[in-house]
Every structure is written in C-alpha cells, then in structure tokens.
Amino acid sequence: MPRYEYRCRSCGATFELSRPMREAGEPARCPGGHDDTVKLLSTVAVGGRRGEPAGPGGGCCGGGCGCG
C-alpha cells in the first residue's frame, strides 16, 4: 500500500499515512487532531547509488525521441 506525506496547516506537523491510491486525495487528520492538512509531493529515488551520476538517456522517454 502506498505511503503519502501530509503537512498540517494548523500546527505545521508533517506525517505519513498508508492508504489505497483511491483514497490519496481524501482529507487526512494530523496526529494533533487538526483537519486542515495538505498532501505533499514526494520524490522517489529509483536505482543507482549515492554519489553516482545518472545513466544515459533522460527526458520523458529515456532520450529516444530527442526531447532529453
């Protein structure tokens, strides 16, 4: 099940919830009980090792279309 990160606008707390993708946009209550929260954009690192340059390709399709 995916984990989503949220921030509470009332108290500033950030927290994560595991929930189905279909519930990703649903309101989330912070651990302090506040309802005024916003879902944060998360970045995901895939493959590679820390400090190593990215491999060949890039862009939207791995470089095959000339866009990257």
N, C-alpha and C. Protein backbone atom coordinates (compact mmCIF):
# COMPACT_ATOMS: atom_id res chain seq x y z
N MET A 1 0.85 -1.16 0.00
CA MET A 1 0.00 0.00 0.00
C MET A 1 0.91 1.25 0.00
N PRO A 2 0.61 2.23 -0.85
CA PRO A 2 1.44 3.43 -0.92
C PRO A 2 1.37 4.27 0.35
N ARG A 3 2.47 4.98 0.61
CA ARG A 3 2.54 5.91 1.74
C ARG A 3 2.50 7.32 1.18
N TYR A 4 1.71 8.17 1.81
CA TYR A 4 1.57 9.56 1.39
C TYR A 4 1.97 10.46 2.55
N GLU A 5 2.62 11.57 2.21
CA GLU A 5 3.08 12.51 3.22
C GLU A 5 2.16 13.74 3.21
N TYR A 6 1.83 14.18 4.39
CA TYR A 6 0.93 15.33 4.57
C TYR A 6 1.56 16.33 5.53
N ARG A 7 1.11 17.59 5.43
CA ARG A 7 1.51 18.63 6.38
C ARG A 7 0.27 19.30 6.90
N CYS A 8 0.26 19.53 8.21
CA CYS A 8 -0.87 20.19 8.87
C CYS A 8 -0.65 21.71 8.79
N ARG A 9 -1.63 22.41 8.28
CA ARG A 9 -1.54 23.87 8.19
C ARG A 9 -1.74 24.52 9.55
N SER A 10 -2.40 23.85 10.46
CA SER A 10 -2.66 24.42 11.78
C SER A 10 -1.45 24.39 12.68
N CYS A 11 -0.78 23.23 12.77
CA CYS A 11 0.34 23.09 13.71
C CYS A 11 1.69 22.88 13.03
N GLY A 12 1.70 22.68 11.70
CA GLY A 12 2.95 22.52 10.98
C GLY A 12 3.52 21.11 10.99
N ALA A 13 2.87 20.17 11.64
CA ALA A 13 3.37 18.79 11.72
C ALA A 13 3.34 18.15 10.33
N THR A 14 4.35 17.34 10.03
CA THR A 14 4.32 16.52 8.83
C THR A 14 4.18 15.07 9.28
N PHE A 15 3.43 14.31 8.50
CA PHE A 15 3.16 12.92 8.88
C PHE A 15 2.87 12.12 7.63
N GLU A 16 2.98 10.81 7.75
CA GLU A 16 2.72 9.89 6.63
C GLU A 16 1.54 9.00 6.96
N LEU A 17 0.81 8.63 5.92
CA LEU A 17 -0.29 7.67 6.05
C LEU A 17 -0.17 6.63 4.95
N SER A 18 -0.42 5.39 5.28
CA SER A 18 -0.53 4.33 4.29
C SER A 18 -2.01 4.21 3.96
N ARG A 19 -2.32 4.37 2.69
CA ARG A 19 -3.72 4.28 2.26
C ARG A 19 -3.78 3.88 0.80
N PRO A 20 -4.88 3.29 0.39
CA PRO A 20 -5.02 2.90 -1.01
C PRO A 20 -4.94 4.13 -1.92
N MET A 21 -4.49 3.94 -3.16
CA MET A 21 -4.37 5.06 -4.10
C MET A 21 -5.70 5.78 -4.29
N ARG A 22 -6.78 5.06 -4.27
CA ARG A 22 -8.09 5.69 -4.47
C ARG A 22 -8.46 6.65 -3.35
N GLU A 23 -7.76 6.56 -2.21
CA GLU A 23 -8.02 7.46 -1.08
C GLU A 23 -6.94 8.54 -0.92
N ALA A 24 -6.01 8.62 -1.87
CA ALA A 24 -4.88 9.54 -1.77
C ALA A 24 -5.32 11.00 -1.63
N GLY A 25 -6.39 11.38 -2.29
CA GLY A 25 -6.86 12.76 -2.25
C GLY A 25 -7.84 13.06 -1.14
N GLU A 26 -8.20 12.05 -0.37
CA GLU A 26 -9.15 12.25 0.73
C GLU A 26 -8.52 13.09 1.84
N PRO A 27 -9.32 13.82 2.59
CA PRO A 27 -8.79 14.59 3.72
C PRO A 27 -8.08 13.68 4.73
N ALA A 28 -7.05 14.22 5.36
CA ALA A 28 -6.30 13.46 6.35
C ALA A 28 -6.23 14.28 7.64
N ARG A 29 -6.42 13.63 8.75
CA ARG A 29 -6.34 14.30 10.05
C ARG A 29 -4.93 14.13 10.61
N CYS A 30 -4.33 15.22 11.09
CA CYS A 30 -2.98 15.15 11.63
C CYS A 30 -3.00 14.47 13.00
N PRO A 31 -1.82 14.03 13.48
CA PRO A 31 -1.76 13.37 14.79
C PRO A 31 -2.25 14.27 15.93
N GLY A 32 -2.21 15.60 15.72
CA GLY A 32 -2.70 16.53 16.74
C GLY A 32 -4.21 16.74 16.68
N GLY A 33 -4.88 16.10 15.71
CA GLY A 33 -6.34 16.17 15.62
C GLY A 33 -6.87 17.26 14.71
N HIS A 34 -5.99 17.96 14.00
CA HIS A 34 -6.44 19.02 13.09
C HIS A 34 -6.83 18.44 11.73
N ASP A 35 -7.80 19.09 11.10
CA ASP A 35 -8.28 18.63 9.80
C ASP A 35 -7.72 19.43 8.62
N ASP A 36 -7.07 20.57 8.88
CA ASP A 36 -6.58 21.44 7.82
C ASP A 36 -5.20 20.96 7.36
N THR A 37 -5.18 19.93 6.51
CA THR A 37 -3.93 19.33 6.05
C THR A 37 -3.84 19.40 4.53
N VAL A 38 -2.61 19.28 4.05
CA VAL A 38 -2.36 19.28 2.61
C VAL A 38 -1.42 18.13 2.29
N LYS A 39 -1.69 17.45 1.17
CA LYS A 39 -0.83 16.35 0.73
C LYS A 39 0.41 16.94 0.07
N LEU A 40 1.58 16.43 0.44
CA LEU A 40 2.84 16.92 -0.10
C LEU A 40 3.27 16.07 -1.29
N LEU A 41 4.01 16.68 -2.19
CA LEU A 41 4.59 15.94 -3.30
C LEU A 41 5.84 15.25 -2.79
N SER A 42 5.98 14.00 -3.09
CA SER A 42 7.14 13.22 -2.65
C SER A 42 8.01 12.89 -3.84
N THR A 43 9.32 12.84 -3.60
CA THR A 43 10.23 12.40 -4.64
C THR A 43 10.67 10.99 -4.31
N VAL A 44 10.87 10.19 -5.33
CA VAL A 44 11.26 8.80 -5.14
C VAL A 44 12.55 8.56 -5.90
N ALA A 45 13.53 8.04 -5.20
CA ALA A 45 14.80 7.68 -5.85
C ALA A 45 14.69 6.23 -6.32
N VAL A 46 15.04 6.00 -7.55
CA VAL A 46 14.94 4.65 -8.11
C VAL A 46 16.31 4.25 -8.63
N GLY A 47 16.84 3.15 -8.09
CA GLY A 47 18.10 2.61 -8.57
C GLY A 47 19.28 3.53 -8.28
N GLY A 48 20.43 3.13 -8.76
CA GLY A 48 21.64 3.92 -8.60
C GLY A 48 22.13 3.92 -7.16
N ARG A 49 23.30 4.51 -7.00
CA ARG A 49 23.89 4.63 -5.67
C ARG A 49 24.19 6.08 -5.41
N ARG A 50 24.25 6.41 -4.18
CA ARG A 50 24.53 7.78 -3.77
C ARG A 50 25.86 8.23 -4.36
N GLY A 51 25.86 9.41 -4.96
CA GLY A 51 27.09 9.97 -5.49
C GLY A 51 27.43 9.55 -6.90
N GLU A 52 26.70 8.60 -7.47
CA GLU A 52 26.97 8.18 -8.83
C GLU A 52 26.16 9.04 -9.79
N PRO A 53 26.74 9.40 -10.93
CA PRO A 53 25.98 10.17 -11.92
C PRO A 53 24.87 9.31 -12.52
N ALA A 54 23.86 9.98 -13.00
CA ALA A 54 22.75 9.27 -13.64
C ALA A 54 23.24 8.61 -14.92
N GLY A 55 22.57 7.56 -15.32
CA GLY A 55 22.94 6.84 -16.52
C GLY A 55 22.55 7.60 -17.78
N PRO A 56 22.77 7.01 -18.94
CA PRO A 56 22.45 7.66 -20.20
C PRO A 56 20.94 7.84 -20.35
N GLY A 57 20.56 8.67 -21.28
CA GLY A 57 19.15 8.89 -21.52
C GLY A 57 18.66 10.08 -20.74
N GLY A 58 17.38 10.12 -20.53
CA GLY A 58 16.78 11.21 -19.79
C GLY A 58 15.55 11.67 -20.52
N GLY A 59 15.03 12.79 -20.10
CA GLY A 59 13.82 13.31 -20.72
C GLY A 59 12.62 12.44 -20.41
N CYS A 60 11.58 12.63 -21.18
CA CYS A 60 10.32 11.95 -20.89
C CYS A 60 10.32 10.49 -21.30
N CYS A 61 11.19 10.10 -22.22
CA CYS A 61 11.14 8.73 -22.71
C CYS A 61 12.51 8.07 -22.74
N GLY A 62 13.43 8.54 -21.90
CA GLY A 62 14.75 7.93 -21.87
C GLY A 62 15.68 8.43 -22.94
N GLY A 63 15.32 9.50 -23.64
CA GLY A 63 16.19 10.09 -24.64
C GLY A 63 15.96 9.61 -26.05
N GLY A 64 15.07 8.66 -26.26
CA GLY A 64 14.85 8.10 -27.59
C GLY A 64 14.20 9.05 -28.58
N CYS A 65 13.49 10.06 -28.11
CA CYS A 65 12.79 10.96 -29.02
C CYS A 65 13.52 12.27 -29.25
N GLY A 66 14.65 12.46 -28.57
CA GLY A 66 15.40 13.69 -28.74
C GLY A 66 14.94 14.81 -27.82
N CYS A 67 13.99 14.51 -26.94
CA CYS A 67 13.48 15.54 -26.05
C CYS A 67 14.41 15.77 -24.85
N GLY A 68 15.24 14.83 -24.53
CA GLY A 68 16.07 14.95 -23.33
C GLY A 68 17.46 15.04 -23.69
